[in-house]
Amino acid sequence: MGSYFVNDLTATAAGPSPAEDGLLDVTVRLWCDELLPGSAWVWELLRRGELTRKGMWHPLSPEERRAWLSVALASRQYQRRDHPADSPPGRVFTLDGRQVVDADSFYCALGEAVNGPGGYFGWNLAAVDDCLRGGFGAMTPFTLEWRHSDLAKSRLAGDDRNPDAFFEVLLEIFRDRGVDVLLR
């Protein structure tokens, strides 16, 4: 269903296995930078086949949205196993800006717009740029119809000196990679 890179593995206990003579049971502790607290329930939704509706991430807290994105990234190949090829160029994807309250909710909405419920299409600006190079569900050029974009833009505000910085960089990335963004 997915995988994480394990940074460190420590054996904490070992003893004879009750399963069979000659076997040894070993208890290990794993350390993984990518496994975020709060992601277990999202993995469980995926395992049970219940990650089937758009918007399941809407009520989540900021920390839970980040965990959602980590599972979307780690499980993307599993989720796309029935349609591993990118959508062909020329598609129109619709992003609903009403649910965008911060950068992570934007990435959840974008992943869902391109790849469906639980979909991944970046979890930071550099990752979105990578996804636009292909292999993540959509081949450019394509059109992104961003509904309620003004509301989303106001919620994606940067610092006081340049409140539109995130939005402007995002649009520049899309433009540079051949995405026609229709702000509605």
Protein backbone atom coordinates (compact mmCIF):
# COMPACT_ATOMS: atom_id res chain seq x y z
CA MET A 1 0.00 0.00 0.00
CA GLY A 2 2.89 2.35 0.63
CA SER A 3 6.36 2.63 1.97
CA TYR A 4 8.56 4.82 4.09
CA PHE A 5 12.31 5.10 4.24
CA VAL A 6 13.42 3.86 7.66
CA ASN A 7 16.27 6.00 8.96
CA ASP A 8 17.27 3.84 11.90
CA LEU A 9 16.56 0.34 13.18
CA THR A 10 17.39 -0.80 16.71
CA ALA A 11 16.86 -4.32 18.05
CA THR A 12 15.35 -3.95 21.52
CA ALA A 13 14.69 -7.60 22.44
CA ALA A 14 15.24 -11.13 21.16
CA GLY A 15 14.20 -14.58 22.28
CA PRO A 16 13.15 -18.04 21.13
CA SER A 17 10.06 -18.02 18.96
CA PRO A 18 6.99 -19.93 20.13
CA ALA A 19 6.11 -20.44 16.45
CA GLU A 20 8.82 -23.02 15.74
CA ASP A 21 11.96 -24.46 17.28
CA GLY A 22 15.12 -22.83 15.98
CA LEU A 23 13.42 -19.50 15.18
CA LEU A 24 14.14 -16.27 16.97
CA ASP A 25 11.63 -13.48 17.59
CA VAL A 26 13.22 -10.04 17.44
CA THR A 27 11.56 -6.81 18.55
CA VAL A 28 12.82 -3.72 16.75
CA ARG A 29 12.32 0.01 17.05
CA LEU A 30 12.16 1.90 13.76
CA TRP A 31 12.76 5.58 13.20
CA CYS A 32 11.23 7.22 10.18
CA ASP A 33 11.30 10.97 9.58
CA GLU A 34 8.43 10.73 7.07
CA LEU A 35 5.95 8.85 9.29
CA LEU A 36 3.97 11.64 10.90
CA PRO A 37 1.95 11.35 14.09
CA GLY A 38 -1.74 11.01 13.30
CA SER A 39 -1.30 9.19 10.00
CA ALA A 40 -2.34 5.71 11.22
CA TRP A 41 -6.06 6.33 10.76
CA VAL A 42 -5.52 7.52 7.16
CA TRP A 43 -3.58 4.33 6.44
CA GLU A 44 -6.48 2.39 7.97
CA LEU A 45 -8.99 4.16 5.68
CA LEU A 46 -6.82 3.19 2.72
CA ARG A 47 -6.40 -0.39 3.91
CA ARG A 48 -10.15 -0.87 4.37
CA GLY A 49 -10.92 0.71 0.99
CA GLU A 50 -12.81 3.57 2.62
CA LEU A 51 -10.82 6.44 1.13
CA THR A 52 -13.44 6.87 -1.57
CA ARG A 53 -15.01 10.31 -1.17
CA LYS A 54 -13.64 13.71 -1.99
CA GLY A 55 -13.33 16.12 0.91
CA MET A 56 -12.59 13.65 3.69
CA TRP A 57 -9.67 15.89 4.69
CA HIS A 58 -11.84 19.06 5.05
CA PRO A 59 -12.50 18.87 8.81
CA LEU A 60 -8.92 18.00 9.75
CA SER A 61 -6.63 20.11 11.93
CA PRO A 62 -3.40 21.48 10.41
CA GLU A 63 -1.38 18.61 11.92
CA GLU A 64 -3.87 16.04 10.62
CA ARG A 65 -3.79 17.58 7.13
CA ARG A 66 0.00 17.25 7.12
CA ALA A 67 -0.33 13.58 8.14
CA TRP A 68 -2.95 13.15 5.36
CA LEU A 69 -0.48 14.52 2.81
CA SER A 70 2.28 12.22 4.06
CA VAL A 71 0.05 9.18 3.48
CA ALA A 72 -1.05 10.52 0.08
CA LEU A 73 2.62 10.78 -0.92
CA ALA A 74 3.67 7.40 0.45
CA SER A 75 0.66 5.57 -1.01
CA ARG A 76 0.41 7.29 -4.39
CA GLN A 77 1.63 4.32 -6.44
CA TYR A 78 -0.75 1.96 -4.65
CA GLN A 79 -3.67 4.34 -5.13
CA ARG A 80 -2.89 4.74 -8.84
CA ARG A 81 -2.27 1.01 -9.44
CA ASP A 82 -5.36 0.71 -11.67
CA HIS A 83 -4.39 3.74 -13.77
CA PRO A 84 -0.61 4.21 -13.48
CA ALA A 85 -0.25 6.43 -16.55
CA ASP A 86 -0.66 10.18 -16.33
CA SER A 87 -3.85 11.71 -17.64
CA PRO A 88 -3.21 12.86 -21.20
CA PRO A 89 -2.36 16.50 -21.95
CA GLY A 90 -5.30 18.84 -22.42
CA ARG A 91 -7.36 17.72 -19.42
CA VAL A 92 -9.24 20.17 -17.24
CA PHE A 93 -8.97 19.68 -13.48
CA THR A 94 -11.24 21.60 -11.10
CA LEU A 95 -9.98 22.80 -7.72
CA ASP A 96 -12.51 24.12 -5.18
CA GLY A 97 -10.91 26.99 -3.29
CA ARG A 98 -13.59 27.14 -0.59
CA GLN A 99 -11.81 24.47 1.44
CA VAL A 100 -8.37 26.06 1.13
CA VAL A 101 -7.52 27.54 4.53
CA ASP A 102 -3.74 27.19 4.45
CA ALA A 103 -0.97 25.78 2.24
CA ASP A 104 -1.52 22.15 3.31
CA SER A 105 -5.24 22.32 2.57
CA PHE A 106 -4.34 23.69 -0.87
CA TYR A 107 -2.08 20.67 -1.48
CA CYS A 108 -4.88 18.33 -0.31
CA ALA A 109 -7.33 20.04 -2.68
CA LEU A 110 -4.86 19.95 -5.59
CA GLY A 111 -4.06 16.27 -5.05
CA GLU A 112 -7.76 15.48 -4.94
CA ALA A 113 -8.49 17.56 -8.07
CA VAL A 114 -5.84 15.73 -10.09
CA ASN A 115 -5.90 12.21 -8.62
CA GLY A 116 -9.20 11.84 -6.76
CA PRO A 117 -9.85 11.10 -3.07
CA GLY A 118 -6.62 10.82 -1.10
CA GLY A 119 -4.65 11.85 -4.18
CA TYR A 120 -1.20 13.41 -4.14
CA PHE A 121 0.12 16.21 -6.33
CA GLY A 122 2.71 17.84 -4.08
CA TRP A 123 3.00 18.90 -0.46
CA ASN A 124 5.18 21.96 -0.94
CA LEU A 125 5.96 24.24 -3.87
CA ALA A 126 9.03 22.27 -4.96
CA ALA A 127 7.02 19.04 -4.91
CA VAL A 128 4.26 20.60 -7.05
CA ASP A 129 6.94 21.63 -9.52
CA ASP A 130 8.25 18.03 -9.53
CA CYS A 131 4.74 16.61 -10.04
CA LEU A 132 4.27 18.88 -13.06
CA ARG A 133 7.19 17.15 -14.77
CA GLY A 134 5.07 13.99 -15.09
CA GLY A 135 4.61 10.67 -13.37
CA PHE A 136 2.21 11.95 -10.71
CA GLY A 137 -1.16 11.77 -12.44
CA ALA A 138 -1.26 14.57 -14.99
CA MET A 139 0.77 15.42 -18.05
CA THR A 140 1.10 19.06 -19.04
CA PRO A 141 -0.18 21.06 -20.69
CA PHE A 142 -3.46 20.98 -18.80
CA THR A 143 -5.96 23.47 -17.42
CA LEU A 144 -6.63 24.04 -13.75
CA GLU A 145 -10.00 25.64 -13.18
CA TRP A 146 -9.62 27.15 -9.72
CA ARG A 147 -13.06 28.00 -8.38
CA HIS A 148 -13.32 30.45 -5.47
CA SER A 149 -9.69 31.38 -6.10
CA ASP A 150 -10.06 34.84 -4.46
CA LEU A 151 -11.13 33.23 -1.21
CA ALA A 152 -8.23 30.77 -1.38
CA LYS A 153 -5.78 33.55 -2.23
CA SER A 154 -6.82 35.53 0.85
CA ARG A 155 -6.21 32.47 3.04
CA LEU A 156 -2.84 31.68 1.45
CA ALA A 157 -1.48 35.11 2.36
CA GLY A 158 2.21 35.32 3.11
CA ASP A 159 3.92 37.84 5.35
CA ASP A 160 2.89 41.49 5.73
CA ARG A 161 5.48 42.75 3.22
CA ASN A 162 4.20 40.50 0.42
CA PRO A 163 0.90 38.87 1.32
CA ASP A 164 0.49 37.39 -2.17
CA ALA A 165 3.94 35.77 -2.36
CA PHE A 166 2.80 32.13 -2.07
CA PHE A 167 0.01 32.62 -4.60
CA GLU A 168 2.30 34.43 -7.07
CA VAL A 169 5.04 31.77 -6.85
CA LEU A 170 2.45 29.03 -7.28
CA LEU A 171 1.01 30.66 -10.40
CA GLU A 172 4.53 31.16 -11.77
CA ILE A 173 5.30 27.46 -11.30
CA PHE A 174 2.08 26.52 -13.08
CA ARG A 175 2.76 28.95 -15.94
CA ASP A 176 6.38 27.75 -16.35
CA ARG A 177 5.24 24.11 -16.56
CA GLY A 178 2.44 24.69 -19.09
CA VAL A 179 -0.60 24.79 -16.83
CA ASP A 180 -3.33 27.24 -17.82
CA VAL A 181 -4.89 28.42 -14.54
CA LEU A 182 -8.41 29.78 -14.80
CA LEU A 183 -9.09 31.85 -11.67
CA ARG A 184 -12.82 31.83 -11.01
